[in-house]
C-alpha cells in the first residue's frame, strides 16, 4: 500500500455501499488495494478542502487573538485615501 512511510494502527470504517463499490472498481482497474484507493482519496481531500478548513480555523484563531484589523477601520482608510487622491 504505502512503501517506506509510517503507518497508523488499522482503522475500522463503514462506507456507504455505493462508495465502497466505486472504491473497489477503482482498485480493480488500477490493480491496487482498497486501502491504496482510500488513502489517495483522503490525501486529495486533505490537500484541498481539508487544507482550506485548517487555514480558516487558523485565521479565526488569529482574529480571536487580536491579530485582525477592524473592517470599519479599513473602509475609513480607503475612503480617506480616495478623498486624498481626488484632491
PDB file of N, CA and C in Angstrom:
ATOM      1  N   UNK A   1       0.820  -1.192   0.000  1.00  0.00           N
ATOM      2  CA  UNK A   1       0.000   0.000   0.000  1.00  0.00           C
ATOM      3  C   UNK A   1       0.862   1.252   0.000  1.00  0.00           C
ATOM      4  N   UNK A   2       1.596   1.510   1.046  1.00  0.00           N
ATOM      5  CA  UNK A   2       2.386   2.731   1.171  1.00  0.00           C
ATOM      6  C   UNK A   2       3.799   2.332   1.533  1.00  0.00           C
ATOM      7  N   UNK A   3       4.690   2.432   0.585  1.00  0.00           N
ATOM      8  CA  UNK A   3       6.058   1.985   0.802  1.00  0.00           C
ATOM      9  C   UNK A   3       6.871   3.040   1.514  1.00  0.00           C
ATOM     10  N   UNK A   4       7.613   2.617   2.535  1.00  0.00           N
ATOM     11  CA  UNK A   4       8.561   3.487   3.192  1.00  0.00           C
ATOM     12  C   UNK A   4       7.987   4.477   4.177  1.00  0.00           C
ATOM     13  N   UNK A   5       6.674   4.549   4.348  1.00  0.00           N
ATOM     14  CA  UNK A   5       6.086   5.526   5.259  1.00  0.00           C
ATOM     15  C   UNK A   5       5.678   4.898   6.570  1.00  0.00           C
ATOM     16  N   UNK A   6       5.452   5.746   7.531  1.00  0.00           N
ATOM     17  CA  UNK A   6       4.943   5.276   8.808  1.00  0.00           C
ATOM     18  C   UNK A   6       3.439   5.090   8.693  1.00  0.00           C
ATOM     19  N   UNK A   7       2.964   3.967   9.141  1.00  0.00           N
ATOM     20  CA  UNK A   7       1.535   3.680   9.058  1.00  0.00           C
ATOM     21  C   UNK A   7       0.924   3.667  10.444  1.00  0.00           C
ATOM     22  N   UNK A   8      -0.325   4.056  10.529  1.00  0.00           N
ATOM     23  CA  UNK A   8      -1.058   4.041  11.786  1.00  0.00           C
ATOM     24  C   UNK A   8      -1.498   2.617  12.105  1.00  0.00           C
ATOM     25  N   UNK A   9      -2.086   2.491  13.267  1.00  0.00           N
ATOM     26  CA  UNK A   9      -2.777   1.242  13.571  1.00  0.00           C
ATOM     27  C   UNK A   9      -3.943   1.126  12.599  1.00  0.00           C
ATOM     28  N   UNK A  10      -4.425  -0.086  12.345  1.00  0.00           N
ATOM     29  CA  UNK A  10      -5.561  -0.253  11.438  1.00  0.00           C
ATOM     30  C   UNK A  10      -6.793   0.502  11.946  1.00  0.00           C
ATOM     31  N   UNK A  11      -7.586   0.997  10.999  1.00  0.00           N
ATOM     32  CA  UNK A  11      -8.833   1.689  11.313  1.00  0.00           C
ATOM     33  C   UNK A  11     -10.008   0.855  10.838  1.00  0.00           C
ATOM     34  N   UNK A  12     -11.100   0.936  11.568  1.00  0.00           N
ATOM     35  CA  UNK A  12     -12.342   0.313  11.133  1.00  0.00           C
ATOM     36  C   UNK A  12     -13.217   1.412  10.572  1.00  0.00           C
ATOM     37  N   UNK A  13     -13.784   1.177   9.397  1.00  0.00           N
ATOM     38  CA  UNK A  13     -14.514   2.224   8.695  1.00  0.00           C
ATOM     39  C   UNK A  13     -15.726   1.621   8.017  1.00  0.00           C
ATOM     40  N   UNK A  14     -16.862   2.272   8.168  1.00  0.00           N
ATOM     41  CA  UNK A  14     -18.068   1.869   7.437  1.00  0.00           C
ATOM     42  C   UNK A  14     -18.301   2.882   6.328  1.00  0.00           C
ATOM     43  N   UNK A  15     -18.523   2.388   5.123  1.00  0.00           N
ATOM     44  CA  UNK A  15     -18.766   3.245   3.964  1.00  0.00           C
ATOM     45  C   UNK A  15     -20.145   2.960   3.401  1.00  0.00           C
ATOM     46  N   UNK A  16     -20.765   3.959   2.796  1.00  0.00           N
ATOM     47  CA  UNK A  16     -21.983   3.672   2.044  1.00  0.00           C
ATOM     48  C   UNK A  16     -21.656   2.643   0.951  1.00  0.00           C
ATOM     49  N   UNK A  17     -22.595   1.768   0.679  1.00  0.00           N
ATOM     50  CA  UNK A  17     -22.372   0.674  -0.267  1.00  0.00           C
ATOM     51  C   UNK A  17     -21.946   1.192  -1.634  1.00  0.00           C
ATOM     52  N   UNK A  18     -22.542   2.301  -2.086  1.00  0.00           N
ATOM     53  CA  UNK A  18     -22.186   2.821  -3.411  1.00  0.00           C
ATOM     54  C   UNK A  18     -20.749   3.348  -3.435  1.00  0.00           C
ATOM     55  N   UNK A  19     -20.309   3.972  -2.337  1.00  0.00           N
ATOM     56  CA  UNK A  19     -18.932   4.469  -2.271  1.00  0.00           C
ATOM     57  C   UNK A  19     -17.960   3.296  -2.264  1.00  0.00           C
ATOM     58  N   UNK A  20     -18.256   2.289  -1.477  1.00  0.00           N
ATOM     59  CA  UNK A  20     -17.393   1.103  -1.449  1.00  0.00           C
ATOM     60  C   UNK A  20     -17.317   0.463  -2.829  1.00  0.00           C
ATOM     61  N   UNK A  21     -18.425   0.429  -3.534  1.00  0.00           N
ATOM     62  CA  UNK A  21     -18.424  -0.121  -4.886  1.00  0.00           C
ATOM     63  C   UNK A  21     -17.491   0.647  -5.809  1.00  0.00           C
ATOM     64  N   UNK A  22     -17.500   1.963  -5.701  1.00  0.00           N
ATOM     65  CA  UNK A  22     -16.609   2.783  -6.518  1.00  0.00           C
ATOM     66  C   UNK A  22     -15.153   2.575  -6.123  1.00  0.00           C
ATOM     67  N   UNK A  23     -14.891   2.478  -4.831  1.00  0.00           N
ATOM     68  CA  UNK A  23     -13.524   2.225  -4.351  1.00  0.00           C
ATOM     69  C   UNK A  23     -13.032   0.894  -4.906  1.00  0.00           C
ATOM     70  N   UNK A  24     -13.878  -0.121  -4.823  1.00  0.00           N
ATOM     71  CA  UNK A  24     -13.480  -1.441  -5.314  1.00  0.00           C
ATOM     72  C   UNK A  24     -13.266  -1.445  -6.823  1.00  0.00           C
ATOM     73  N   UNK A  25     -14.082  -0.695  -7.556  1.00  0.00           N
ATOM     74  CA  UNK A  25     -13.918  -0.634  -9.011  1.00  0.00           C
ATOM     75  C   UNK A  25     -12.597   0.045  -9.375  1.00  0.00           C
ATOM     76  N   UNK A  26     -12.298   1.166  -8.722  1.00  0.00           N
ATOM     77  CA  UNK A  26     -11.035   1.859  -8.990  1.00  0.00           C
ATOM     78  C   UNK A  26      -9.854   0.967  -8.610  1.00  0.00           C
ATOM     79  N   UNK A  27      -9.953   0.286  -7.476  1.00  0.00           N
ATOM     80  CA  UNK A  27      -8.881  -0.615  -7.039  1.00  0.00           C
ATOM     81  C   UNK A  27      -8.653  -1.719  -8.070  1.00  0.00           C
ATOM     82  N   UNK A  28      -9.742  -2.267  -8.587  1.00  0.00           N
ATOM     83  CA  UNK A  28      -9.621  -3.335  -9.591  1.00  0.00           C
ATOM     84  C   UNK A  28      -8.969  -2.805 -10.861  1.00  0.00           C
ATOM     85  N   UNK A  29      -9.418  -1.645 -11.322  1.00  0.00           N
ATOM     86  CA  UNK A  29      -8.882  -1.065 -12.559  1.00  0.00           C
ATOM     87  C   UNK A  29      -7.393  -0.758 -12.408  1.00  0.00           C
ATOM     88  N   UNK A  30      -7.014  -0.217 -11.250  1.00  0.00           N
ATOM     89  CA  UNK A  30      -5.614   0.171 -11.013  1.00  0.00           C
ATOM     90  C   UNK A  30      -4.750  -0.979 -10.518  1.00  0.00           C
ATOM     91  N   UNK A  31      -5.392  -2.121 -10.286  1.00  0.00           N
ATOM     92  CA  UNK A  31      -4.703  -3.279  -9.710  1.00  0.00           C
ATOM     93  C   UNK A  31      -4.013  -2.894  -8.402  1.00  0.00           C
ATOM     94  N   UNK A  32      -4.765  -2.209  -7.559  1.00  0.00           N
ATOM     95  CA  UNK A  32      -4.311  -1.768  -6.244  1.00  0.00           C
ATOM     96  C   UNK A  32      -5.300  -2.246  -5.198  1.00  0.00           C
ATOM     97  N   UNK A  33      -4.942  -2.036  -3.934  1.00  0.00           N
ATOM     98  CA  UNK A  33      -5.832  -2.423  -2.839  1.00  0.00           C
ATOM     99  C   UNK A  33      -6.872  -1.331  -2.583  1.00  0.00           C
ATOM    100  N   UNK A  34      -7.933  -1.721  -1.880  1.00  0.00           N
ATOM    101  CA  UNK A  34      -8.926  -0.728  -1.473  1.00  0.00           C
ATOM    102  C   UNK A  34      -8.277   0.330  -0.583  1.00  0.00           C
ATOM    103  N   UNK A  35      -7.376  -0.090   0.293  1.00  0.00           N
ATOM    104  CA  UNK A  35      -6.685   0.854   1.180  1.00  0.00           C
ATOM    105  C   UNK A  35      -5.918   1.889   0.369  1.00  0.00           C
ATOM    106  N   UNK A  36      -5.255   1.458  -0.680  1.00  0.00           N
ATOM    107  CA  UNK A  36      -4.495   2.383  -1.528  1.00  0.00           C
ATOM    108  C   UNK A  36      -5.422   3.454  -2.101  1.00  0.00           C
ATOM    109  N   UNK A  37      -6.584   3.036  -2.608  1.00  0.00           N
ATOM    110  CA  UNK A  37      -7.542   3.975  -3.193  1.00  0.00           C
ATOM    111  C   UNK A  37      -8.053   4.936  -2.123  1.00  0.00           C
ATOM    112  N   UNK A  38      -8.397   4.431  -0.962  1.00  0.00           N
ATOM    113  CA  UNK A  38      -8.929   5.272   0.110  1.00  0.00           C
ATOM    114  C   UNK A  38      -7.873   6.258   0.593  1.00  0.00           C
ATOM    115  N   UNK A  39      -6.629   5.834   0.735  1.00  0.00           N
ATOM    116  CA  UNK A  39      -5.560   6.751   1.153  1.00  0.00           C
ATOM    117  C   UNK A  39      -5.378   7.847   0.116  1.00  0.00           C
ATOM    118  N   UNK A  40      -5.383   7.494  -1.166  1.00  0.00           N
ATOM    119  CA  UNK A  40      -5.259   8.508  -2.226  1.00  0.00           C
ATOM    120  C   UNK A  40      -6.413   9.503  -2.167  1.00  0.00           C
ATOM    121  N   UNK A  41      -7.623   9.003  -1.950  1.00  0.00           N
ATOM    122  CA  UNK A  41      -8.796   9.881  -1.873  1.00  0.00           C
ATOM    123  C   UNK A  41      -8.697  10.812  -0.664  1.00  0.00           C
ATOM    124  N   UNK A  42      -8.269  10.287   0.467  1.00  0.00           N
ATOM    125  CA  UNK A  42      -8.121  11.119   1.668  1.00  0.00           C
ATOM    126  C   UNK A  42      -7.038  12.176   1.482  1.00  0.00           C
ATOM    127  N   UNK A  43      -5.918  11.788   0.878  1.00  0.00           N
ATOM    128  CA  UNK A  43      -4.846  12.761   0.624  1.00  0.00           C
ATOM    129  C   UNK A  43      -5.329  13.872  -0.288  1.00  0.00           C
ATOM    130  N   UNK A  44      -6.101  13.536  -1.299  1.00  0.00           N
ATOM    131  CA  UNK A  44      -6.639  14.535  -2.216  1.00  0.00           C
ATOM    132  C   UNK A  44      -7.572  15.481  -1.469  1.00  0.00           C
ATOM    133  N   UNK A  45      -8.447  14.936  -0.638  1.00  0.00           N
ATOM    134  CA  UNK A  45      -9.364  15.758   0.159  1.00  0.00           C
ATOM    135  C   UNK A  45      -8.586  16.679   1.101  1.00  0.00           C
ATOM    136  N   UNK A  46      -7.610  16.119   1.795  1.00  0.00           N
ATOM    137  CA  UNK A  46      -6.845  16.902   2.769  1.00  0.00           C
ATOM    138  C   UNK A  46      -6.023  17.997   2.095  1.00  0.00           C
ATOM    139  N   UNK A  47      -5.596  17.781   0.866  1.00  0.00           N
ATOM    140  CA  UNK A  47      -4.809  18.778   0.144  1.00  0.00           C
ATOM    141  C   UNK A  47      -5.666  19.929  -0.362  1.00  0.00           C
ATOM    142  N   UNK A  48      -6.966  19.724  -0.479  1.00  0.00           N
ATOM    143  CA  UNK A  48      -7.826  20.792  -0.997  1.00  0.00           C
ATOM    144  C   UNK A  48      -8.771  21.289   0.090  1.00  0.00           C
ATOM    145  N   UNK A  49      -9.918  20.669   0.212  1.00  0.00           N
ATOM    146  CA  UNK A  49     -10.931  21.132   1.162  1.00  0.00           C
ATOM    147  C   UNK A  49     -10.440  21.055   2.604  1.00  0.00           C
ATOM    148  N   UNK A  50      -9.748  20.000   2.948  1.00  0.00           N
ATOM    149  CA  UNK A  50      -9.207  19.870   4.303  1.00  0.00           C
ATOM    150  C   UNK A  50      -8.227  20.981   4.634  1.00  0.00           C
ATOM    151  N   UNK A  51      -7.335  21.309   3.705  1.00  0.00           N
ATOM    152  CA  UNK A  51      -6.355  22.388   3.898  1.00  0.00           C
ATOM    153  C   UNK A  51      -7.074  23.717   4.087  1.00  0.00           C
ATOM    154  N   UNK A  52      -8.117  23.942   3.288  1.00  0.00           N
ATOM    155  CA  UNK A  52      -8.883  25.182   3.389  1.00  0.00           C
ATOM    156  C   UNK A  52      -9.537  25.307   4.766  1.00  0.00           C
ATOM    157  N   UNK A  53     -10.105  24.224   5.266  1.00  0.00           N
ATOM    158  CA  UNK A  53     -10.731  24.248   6.589  1.00  0.00           C
ATOM    159  C   UNK A  53      -9.707  24.540   7.680  1.00  0.00           C
ATOM    160  N   UNK A  54      -8.541  23.947   7.578  1.00  0.00           N
ATOM    161  CA  UNK A  54      -7.475  24.189   8.560  1.00  0.00           C
ATOM    162  C   UNK A  54      -7.044  25.654   8.512  1.00  0.00           C
ATOM    163  N   UNK A  55      -6.859  26.192   7.316  1.00  0.00           N
ATOM    164  CA  UNK A  55      -6.437  27.587   7.173  1.00  0.00           C
ATOM    165  C   UNK A  55      -7.488  28.549   7.723  1.00  0.00           C
ATOM    166  N   UNK A  56      -8.765  28.252   7.493  1.00  0.00           N
ATOM    167  CA  UNK A  56      -9.829  29.089   8.040  1.00  0.00           C
ATOM    168  C   UNK A  56      -9.829  29.050   9.565  1.00  0.00           C
ATOM    169  N   UNK A  57      -9.648  27.868  10.137  1.00  0.00           N
ATOM    170  CA  UNK A  57      -9.603  27.743  11.598  1.00  0.00           C
ATOM    171  C   UNK A  57      -8.421  28.516  12.166  1.00  0.00           C
ATOM    172  N   UNK A  58      -7.273  28.442  11.499  1.00  0.00           N
ATOM    173  CA  UNK A  58      -6.088  29.187  11.951  1.00  0.00           C
ATOM    174  C   UNK A  58      -6.330  30.685  11.865  1.00  0.00           C
ATOM    175  N   UNK A  59      -6.972  31.143  10.789  1.00  0.00           N
ATOM    176  CA  UNK A  59      -7.262  32.568  10.633  1.00  0.00           C
ATOM    177  C   UNK A  59      -8.235  33.039  11.702  1.00  0.00           C
ATOM    178  N   UNK A  60      -9.257  32.238  11.998  1.00  0.00           N
ATOM    179  CA  UNK A  60     -10.199  32.607  13.063  1.00  0.00           C
ATOM    180  C   UNK A  60      -9.487  32.714  14.402  1.00  0.00           C
ATOM    181  N   UNK A  61      -8.579  31.793  14.666  1.00  0.00           N
ATOM    182  CA  UNK A  61      -7.826  31.829  15.926  1.00  0.00           C
ATOM    183  C   UNK A  61      -6.971  33.087  15.999  1.00  0.00           C
ATOM    184  N   UNK A  62      -6.380  33.491  14.887  1.00  0.00           N
ATOM    185  CA  UNK A  62      -5.578  34.716  14.865  1.00  0.00           C
ATOM    186  C   UNK A  62      -6.447  35.937  15.142  1.00  0.00           C
ATOM    187  N   UNK A  63      -7.619  35.999  14.525  1.00  0.00           N
ATOM    188  CA  UNK A  63      -8.526  37.124  14.744  1.00  0.00           C
ATOM    189  C   UNK A  63      -8.990  37.134  16.201  1.00  0.00           C
ATOM    190  N   UNK A  64      -9.351  35.966  16.721  1.00  0.00           N
ATOM    191  CA  UNK A  64      -9.766  35.876  18.122  1.00  0.00           C
ATOM    192  C   UNK A  64      -8.645  36.308  19.061  1.00  0.00           C
ATOM    193  N   UNK A  65      -7.403  36.118  18.628  1.00  0.00           N
ATOM    194  CA  UNK A  65      -6.248  36.509  19.424  1.00  0.00           C
ATOM    195  C   UNK A  65      -5.862  37.974  19.246  1.00  0.00           C
ATOM    196  N   UNK A  66      -6.641  38.708  18.452  1.00  0.00           N
ATOM    197  CA  UNK A  66      -6.381  40.131  18.286  1.00  0.00           C
ATOM    198  C   UNK A  66      -5.493  40.478  17.114  1.00  0.00           C
ATOM    199  N   UNK A  67      -5.207  39.530  16.239  1.00  0.00           N
ATOM    200  CA  UNK A  67      -4.290  39.783  15.125  1.00  0.00           C
ATOM    201  C   UNK A  67      -4.989  40.377  13.904  1.00  0.00           C
ATOM    202  N   UNK A  68      -6.285  40.610  13.984  1.00  0.00           N
ATOM    203  CA  UNK A  68      -7.012  41.111  12.825  1.00  0.00           C
ATOM    204  C   UNK A  68      -7.086  42.625  12.789  1.00  0.00           C
ATOM    205  N   UNK A  69      -7.664  43.132  11.712  1.00  0.00           N
ATOM    206  CA  UNK A  69      -7.889  44.562  11.526  1.00  0.00           C
ATOM    207  C   UNK A  69      -9.388  44.765  11.400  1.00  0.00           C
ATOM    208  N   UNK A  70      -9.918  45.749  12.088  1.00  0.00           N
ATOM    209  CA  UNK A  70     -11.346  46.033  12.057  1.00  0.00           C
ATOM    210  C   UNK A  70     -11.756  46.510  10.660  1.00  0.00           C
ATOM    211  N   UNK A  71     -12.816  45.936  10.117  1.00  0.00           N
ATOM    212  CA  UNK A  71     -13.279  46.273   8.772  1.00  0.00           C
ATOM    213  C   UNK A  71     -13.655  47.745   8.668  1.00  0.00           C
ATOM    214  N   UNK A  72     -14.264  48.314   9.702  1.00  0.00           N
ATOM    215  CA  UNK A  72     -14.618  49.731   9.669  1.00  0.00           C
ATOM    216  C   UNK A  72     -13.370  50.608   9.514  1.00  0.00           C
ATOM    217  N   UNK A  73     -12.276  50.217  10.151  1.00  0.00           N
ATOM    218  CA  UNK A  73     -11.022  50.970  10.007  1.00  0.00           C
ATOM    219  C   UNK A  73     -10.497  50.894   8.579  1.00  0.00           C
ATOM    220  N   UNK A  74     -10.590  49.728   7.979  1.00  0.00           N
ATOM    221  CA  UNK A  74     -10.126  49.553   6.601  1.00  0.00           C
ATOM    222  C   UNK A  74     -10.955  50.420   5.655  1.00  0.00           C
ATOM    223  N   UNK A  75     -12.272  50.392   5.832  1.00  0.00           N
ATOM    224  CA  UNK A  75     -13.152  51.187   4.972  1.00  0.00           C
ATOM    225  C   UNK A  75     -12.854  52.676   5.149  1.00  0.00           C
ATOM    226  N   UNK A  76     -12.685  53.111   6.380  1.00  0.00           N
ATOM    227  CA  UNK A  76     -12.370  54.525   6.648  1.00  0.00           C
ATOM    228  C   UNK A  76     -11.048  54.908   5.984  1.00  0.00           C
ATOM    229  N   UNK A  77     -10.034  54.053   6.090  1.00  0.00           N
ATOM    230  CA  UNK A  77      -8.736  54.336   5.454  1.00  0.00           C
ATOM    231  C   UNK A  77      -8.868  54.427   3.939  1.00  0.00           C
ATOM    232  N   UNK A  78      -9.668  53.534   3.349  1.00  0.00           N
ATOM    233  CA  UNK A  78      -9.873  53.574   1.899  1.00  0.00           C
ATOM    234  C   UNK A  78     -10.618  54.833   1.473  1.00  0.00           C
ATOM    235  N   UNK A  79     -11.630  55.203   2.252  1.00  0.00           N
ATOM    236  CA  UNK A  79     -12.369  56.435   1.933  1.00  0.00           C
ATOM    237  C   UNK A  79     -11.452  57.649   2.023  1.00  0.00           C
ATOM    238  N   UNK A  80     -10.620  57.708   3.052  1.00  0.00           N
ATOM    239  CA  UNK A  80      -9.686  58.830   3.195  1.00  0.00           C
ATOM    240  C   UNK A  80      -8.668  58.852   2.064  1.00  0.00           C
ATOM    241  N   UNK A  81      -8.186  57.684   1.652  1.00  0.00           N
ATOM    242  CA  UNK A  81      -7.220  57.618   0.554  1.00  0.00           C
ATOM    243  C   UNK A  81      -7.878  58.087  -0.743  1.00  0.00           C
ATOM    244  N   UNK A  82      -9.145  57.735  -0.947  1.00  0.00           N
ATOM    245  CA  UNK A  82      -9.854  58.160  -2.162  1.00  0.00           C
ATOM    246  C   UNK A  82     -10.044  59.677  -2.154  1.00  0.00           C
ATOM    247  N   UNK A  83     -10.379  60.231  -0.992  1.00  0.00           N
ATOM    248  CA  UNK A  83     -10.547  61.686  -0.883  1.00  0.00           C
ATOM    249  C   UNK A  83      -9.227  62.398  -1.155  1.00  0.00           C
ATOM    250  N   UNK A  84      -8.126  61.879  -0.585  1.00  0.00           N
ATOM    251  CA  UNK A  84      -6.806  62.468  -0.803  1.00  0.00           C
ATOM    252  C   UNK A  84      -6.396  62.399  -2.268  1.00  0.00           C
ATOM    253  N   UNK A  85      -6.726  61.301  -2.935  1.00  0.00           N
ATOM    254  CA  UNK A  85      -6.354  61.140  -4.345  1.00  0.00           C
ATOM    255  C   UNK A  85      -7.155  62.085  -5.219  1.00  0.00           C
ATOM    256  N   UNK A  86      -8.399  62.376  -4.825  1.00  0.00           N
ATOM    257  CA  UNK A  86      -9.262  63.259  -5.604  1.00  0.00           C
ATOM    258  C   UNK A  86      -8.871  64.721  -5.422  1.00  0.00           C
ATOM    259  N   UNK A  87      -8.205  65.022  -4.326  1.00  0.00           N
ATOM    260  CA  UNK A  87      -7.873  66.439  -4.034  1.00  0.00           C
ATOM    261  C   UNK A  87      -6.656  66.915  -4.768  1.00  0.00           C
TER     262      UNK A  87
END
